[in-house]
Amino acid sequence: MAFLRFHPLTVKRWRRFRENRRGYWSFWLLLAVFAASLVAEIITNSRPLLLRFEGKWHCPPLEYASEDDFLHNGVQKPVDYKKLAE
């Protein structure tokens, strides 16, 4: 990594931080929890991640669909997926 050159003092501080095993692993754990929190809204919401309806696959987090797209009833409102499952 020739394009990244850190100051020698920074390198020394990073080495000392890595020697502190509890702090080092806590840092990575905190980073993993933070990354999980960024995608939590996608994973835990009222819409399914993947849906098969009438032989077609849909991914509601990536595409908008109204009730009319599924039920062909002319209603342009968000889909109630629990009602759709019945």
N, C-alpha and C. Protein backbone atom coordinates (compact mmCIF):
# COMPACT_ATOMS: atom_id res chain seq x y z
N MET A 1 0.84 -1.18 0.00
CA MET A 1 0.00 0.00 0.00
C MET A 1 0.88 1.25 0.00
N ALA A 2 1.55 1.46 -1.11
CA ALA A 2 2.47 2.58 -1.22
C ALA A 2 1.75 3.93 -1.24
N PHE A 3 0.50 3.96 -1.66
CA PHE A 3 -0.21 5.23 -1.73
C PHE A 3 -0.67 5.71 -0.36
N LEU A 4 -0.71 4.84 0.64
CA LEU A 4 -1.09 5.23 2.00
C LEU A 4 0.14 5.24 2.89
N ARG A 5 0.55 6.40 3.29
CA ARG A 5 1.69 6.51 4.20
C ARG A 5 1.24 7.25 5.44
N PHE A 6 1.36 6.57 6.56
CA PHE A 6 0.97 7.16 7.82
C PHE A 6 2.19 7.70 8.54
N HIS A 7 1.94 8.69 9.35
CA HIS A 7 3.00 9.26 10.17
C HIS A 7 3.51 8.17 11.12
N PRO A 8 4.81 8.13 11.40
CA PRO A 8 5.35 7.09 12.29
C PRO A 8 4.68 7.06 13.66
N LEU A 9 4.29 8.21 14.17
CA LEU A 9 3.61 8.24 15.47
C LEU A 9 2.24 7.56 15.38
N THR A 10 1.55 7.75 14.26
CA THR A 10 0.26 7.09 14.06
C THR A 10 0.43 5.58 14.00
N VAL A 11 1.45 5.12 13.31
CA VAL A 11 1.73 3.69 13.21
C VAL A 11 2.03 3.11 14.59
N LYS A 12 2.80 3.84 15.38
CA LYS A 12 3.13 3.38 16.73
C LYS A 12 1.87 3.30 17.59
N ARG A 13 0.99 4.28 17.50
CA ARG A 13 -0.24 4.28 18.28
C ARG A 13 -1.16 3.13 17.85
N TRP A 14 -1.22 2.86 16.55
CA TRP A 14 -2.05 1.76 16.06
C TRP A 14 -1.52 0.42 16.58
N ARG A 15 -0.21 0.25 16.58
CA ARG A 15 0.38 -1.00 17.10
C ARG A 15 0.07 -1.16 18.59
N ARG A 16 0.17 -0.08 19.34
CA ARG A 16 -0.14 -0.16 20.77
C ARG A 16 -1.62 -0.49 20.99
N PHE A 17 -2.47 0.07 20.16
CA PHE A 17 -3.90 -0.22 20.26
C PHE A 17 -4.18 -1.69 19.94
N ARG A 18 -3.52 -2.25 18.94
CA ARG A 18 -3.71 -3.66 18.58
C ARG A 18 -3.20 -4.59 19.67
N GLU A 19 -2.22 -4.15 20.44
CA GLU A 19 -1.72 -4.98 21.54
C GLU A 19 -2.75 -5.08 22.66
N ASN A 20 -3.60 -4.09 22.78
CA ASN A 20 -4.68 -4.13 23.77
C ASN A 20 -5.80 -4.97 23.17
N ARG A 21 -5.76 -6.27 23.42
CA ARG A 21 -6.67 -7.21 22.76
C ARG A 21 -8.13 -6.90 23.06
N ARG A 22 -8.47 -6.57 24.27
CA ARG A 22 -9.86 -6.29 24.62
C ARG A 22 -10.36 -5.06 23.86
N GLY A 23 -9.57 -4.03 23.82
CA GLY A 23 -9.97 -2.82 23.10
C GLY A 23 -10.06 -3.04 21.60
N TYR A 24 -9.12 -3.81 21.07
CA TYR A 24 -9.08 -4.09 19.63
C TYR A 24 -10.31 -4.88 19.20
N TRP A 25 -10.64 -5.95 19.92
CA TRP A 25 -11.81 -6.76 19.55
C TRP A 25 -13.11 -6.02 19.86
N SER A 26 -13.12 -5.19 20.87
CA SER A 26 -14.31 -4.38 21.14
C SER A 26 -14.56 -3.39 20.01
N PHE A 27 -13.48 -2.85 19.46
CA PHE A 27 -13.59 -1.94 18.32
C PHE A 27 -14.25 -2.65 17.14
N TRP A 28 -13.81 -3.87 16.81
CA TRP A 28 -14.38 -4.61 15.69
C TRP A 28 -15.83 -5.02 15.96
N LEU A 29 -16.12 -5.37 17.21
CA LEU A 29 -17.50 -5.72 17.57
C LEU A 29 -18.41 -4.50 17.42
N LEU A 30 -17.95 -3.35 17.90
CA LEU A 30 -18.72 -2.12 17.78
C LEU A 30 -18.92 -1.76 16.31
N LEU A 31 -17.91 -1.94 15.49
CA LEU A 31 -18.02 -1.67 14.06
C LEU A 31 -19.03 -2.60 13.40
N ALA A 32 -19.05 -3.88 13.79
CA ALA A 32 -20.01 -4.84 13.22
C ALA A 32 -21.44 -4.49 13.64
N VAL A 33 -21.63 -4.10 14.89
CA VAL A 33 -22.97 -3.73 15.36
C VAL A 33 -23.44 -2.46 14.64
N PHE A 34 -22.54 -1.53 14.42
CA PHE A 34 -22.89 -0.31 13.69
C PHE A 34 -23.30 -0.64 12.25
N ALA A 35 -22.54 -1.51 11.60
CA ALA A 35 -22.88 -1.90 10.22
C ALA A 35 -24.24 -2.61 10.18
N ALA A 36 -24.52 -3.44 11.17
CA ALA A 36 -25.82 -4.12 11.22
C ALA A 36 -26.95 -3.11 11.43
N SER A 37 -26.69 -2.05 12.19
CA SER A 37 -27.73 -1.05 12.42
C SER A 37 -28.06 -0.27 11.15
N LEU A 38 -27.10 -0.17 10.24
CA LEU A 38 -27.35 0.55 8.99
C LEU A 38 -28.34 -0.18 8.09
N VAL A 39 -28.33 -1.51 8.14
CA VAL A 39 -29.24 -2.29 7.30
C VAL A 39 -30.43 -2.84 8.08
N ALA A 40 -30.58 -2.46 9.33
CA ALA A 40 -31.66 -3.00 10.16
C ALA A 40 -33.04 -2.63 9.63
N GLU A 41 -33.20 -1.45 9.08
CA GLU A 41 -34.50 -1.02 8.58
C GLU A 41 -34.92 -1.86 7.37
N ILE A 42 -33.98 -2.30 6.58
CA ILE A 42 -34.30 -3.15 5.43
C ILE A 42 -34.73 -4.53 5.88
N ILE A 43 -34.05 -5.06 6.89
CA ILE A 43 -34.30 -6.42 7.34
C ILE A 43 -35.57 -6.52 8.18
N THR A 44 -35.79 -5.57 9.08
CA THR A 44 -36.93 -5.66 10.00
C THR A 44 -37.93 -4.54 9.73
N ASN A 45 -38.83 -4.79 8.82
CA ASN A 45 -39.91 -3.85 8.57
C ASN A 45 -41.17 -4.63 8.25
N SER A 46 -42.21 -3.96 7.83
CA SER A 46 -43.49 -4.63 7.61
C SER A 46 -43.59 -5.28 6.23
N ARG A 47 -42.56 -5.13 5.41
CA ARG A 47 -42.58 -5.72 4.08
C ARG A 47 -41.67 -6.95 4.03
N PRO A 48 -42.05 -7.95 3.26
CA PRO A 48 -41.17 -9.12 3.12
C PRO A 48 -39.96 -8.77 2.27
N LEU A 49 -38.87 -9.50 2.47
CA LEU A 49 -37.68 -9.28 1.65
C LEU A 49 -37.86 -9.85 0.25
N LEU A 50 -38.55 -10.97 0.15
CA LEU A 50 -38.78 -11.63 -1.13
C LEU A 50 -40.19 -12.20 -1.12
N LEU A 51 -40.89 -12.08 -2.22
CA LEU A 51 -42.30 -12.46 -2.28
C LEU A 51 -42.57 -13.16 -3.61
N ARG A 52 -43.29 -14.27 -3.54
CA ARG A 52 -43.74 -14.94 -4.76
C ARG A 52 -45.26 -14.86 -4.79
N PHE A 53 -45.77 -14.24 -5.84
CA PHE A 53 -47.21 -14.05 -5.97
C PHE A 53 -47.59 -14.36 -7.41
N GLU A 54 -48.51 -15.30 -7.59
CA GLU A 54 -48.99 -15.73 -8.90
C GLU A 54 -47.84 -16.12 -9.82
N GLY A 55 -46.86 -16.84 -9.28
CA GLY A 55 -45.76 -17.35 -10.08
C GLY A 55 -44.65 -16.36 -10.37
N LYS A 56 -44.76 -15.13 -9.90
CA LYS A 56 -43.72 -14.12 -10.14
C LYS A 56 -43.03 -13.78 -8.83
N TRP A 57 -41.74 -13.53 -8.90
CA TRP A 57 -40.96 -13.13 -7.73
C TRP A 57 -40.89 -11.61 -7.67
N HIS A 58 -41.07 -11.07 -6.46
CA HIS A 58 -41.01 -9.63 -6.23
C HIS A 58 -40.09 -9.37 -5.04
N CYS A 59 -39.42 -8.23 -5.06
CA CYS A 59 -38.57 -7.82 -3.95
C CYS A 59 -39.06 -6.44 -3.48
N PRO A 60 -40.01 -6.40 -2.54
CA PRO A 60 -40.61 -5.14 -2.11
C PRO A 60 -39.64 -4.06 -1.61
N PRO A 61 -38.51 -4.39 -0.95
CA PRO A 61 -37.62 -3.30 -0.55
C PRO A 61 -36.98 -2.57 -1.73
N LEU A 62 -36.92 -3.21 -2.89
CA LEU A 62 -36.27 -2.60 -4.04
C LEU A 62 -37.24 -2.00 -5.06
N GLU A 63 -38.50 -2.35 -4.98
CA GLU A 63 -39.47 -1.83 -5.95
C GLU A 63 -40.75 -1.41 -5.23
N TYR A 64 -41.38 -0.37 -5.74
CA TYR A 64 -42.66 0.06 -5.17
C TYR A 64 -43.78 -0.70 -5.88
N ALA A 65 -44.72 -1.19 -5.11
CA ALA A 65 -45.89 -1.86 -5.69
C ALA A 65 -47.13 -1.39 -4.95
N SER A 66 -48.19 -1.13 -5.70
CA SER A 66 -49.46 -0.76 -5.08
C SER A 66 -50.36 -1.99 -5.04
N GLU A 67 -51.50 -1.86 -4.35
CA GLU A 67 -52.45 -2.98 -4.31
C GLU A 67 -52.93 -3.35 -5.70
N ASP A 68 -53.03 -2.36 -6.57
CA ASP A 68 -53.49 -2.62 -7.93
C ASP A 68 -52.54 -3.56 -8.68
N ASP A 69 -51.25 -3.48 -8.40
CA ASP A 69 -50.29 -4.35 -9.07
C ASP A 69 -50.52 -5.82 -8.74
N PHE A 70 -51.01 -6.10 -7.55
CA PHE A 70 -51.23 -7.49 -7.14
C PHE A 70 -52.69 -7.93 -7.29
N LEU A 71 -53.61 -7.11 -6.85
CA LEU A 71 -55.02 -7.52 -6.80
C LEU A 71 -55.84 -7.01 -7.98
N HIS A 72 -55.30 -6.10 -8.78
CA HIS A 72 -55.98 -5.53 -9.95
C HIS A 72 -57.36 -4.98 -9.57
N ASN A 73 -57.38 -4.20 -8.47
CA ASN A 73 -58.64 -3.65 -8.00
C ASN A 73 -58.72 -2.13 -8.18
N GLY A 74 -57.73 -1.52 -8.78
CA GLY A 74 -57.75 -0.09 -9.03
C GLY A 74 -57.37 0.77 -7.85
N VAL A 75 -57.00 0.18 -6.73
CA VAL A 75 -56.64 0.93 -5.53
C VAL A 75 -55.14 1.22 -5.55
N GLN A 76 -54.80 2.50 -5.50
CA GLN A 76 -53.39 2.90 -5.52
C GLN A 76 -52.92 3.24 -4.11
N LYS A 77 -52.78 2.23 -3.27
CA LYS A 77 -52.26 2.43 -1.92
C LYS A 77 -51.23 1.34 -1.64
N PRO A 78 -50.42 1.52 -0.62
CA PRO A 78 -49.41 0.49 -0.31
C PRO A 78 -50.07 -0.87 -0.02
N VAL A 79 -49.37 -1.92 -0.37
CA VAL A 79 -49.91 -3.27 -0.23
C VAL A 79 -49.90 -3.71 1.22
N ASP A 80 -51.00 -4.32 1.66
CA ASP A 80 -51.07 -4.97 2.96
C ASP A 80 -50.68 -6.43 2.72
N TYR A 81 -49.42 -6.76 3.00
CA TYR A 81 -48.90 -8.08 2.66
C TYR A 81 -49.54 -9.19 3.49
N LYS A 82 -50.00 -8.88 4.68
CA LYS A 82 -50.69 -9.89 5.49
C LYS A 82 -52.03 -10.25 4.85
N LYS A 83 -52.74 -9.25 4.35
CA LYS A 83 -54.01 -9.51 3.68
C LYS A 83 -53.76 -10.24 2.35
N LEU A 84 -52.67 -9.94 1.71
CA LEU A 84 -52.33 -10.57 0.44
C LEU A 84 -52.02 -12.05 0.62
N ALA A 85 -51.50 -12.43 1.78
CA ALA A 85 -51.15 -13.83 2.04
C ALA A 85 -52.38 -14.70 2.23
N GLU A 86 -53.51 -14.10 2.55
CA GLU A 86 -54.74 -14.88 2.80
C GLU A 86 -55.36 -15.41 1.53
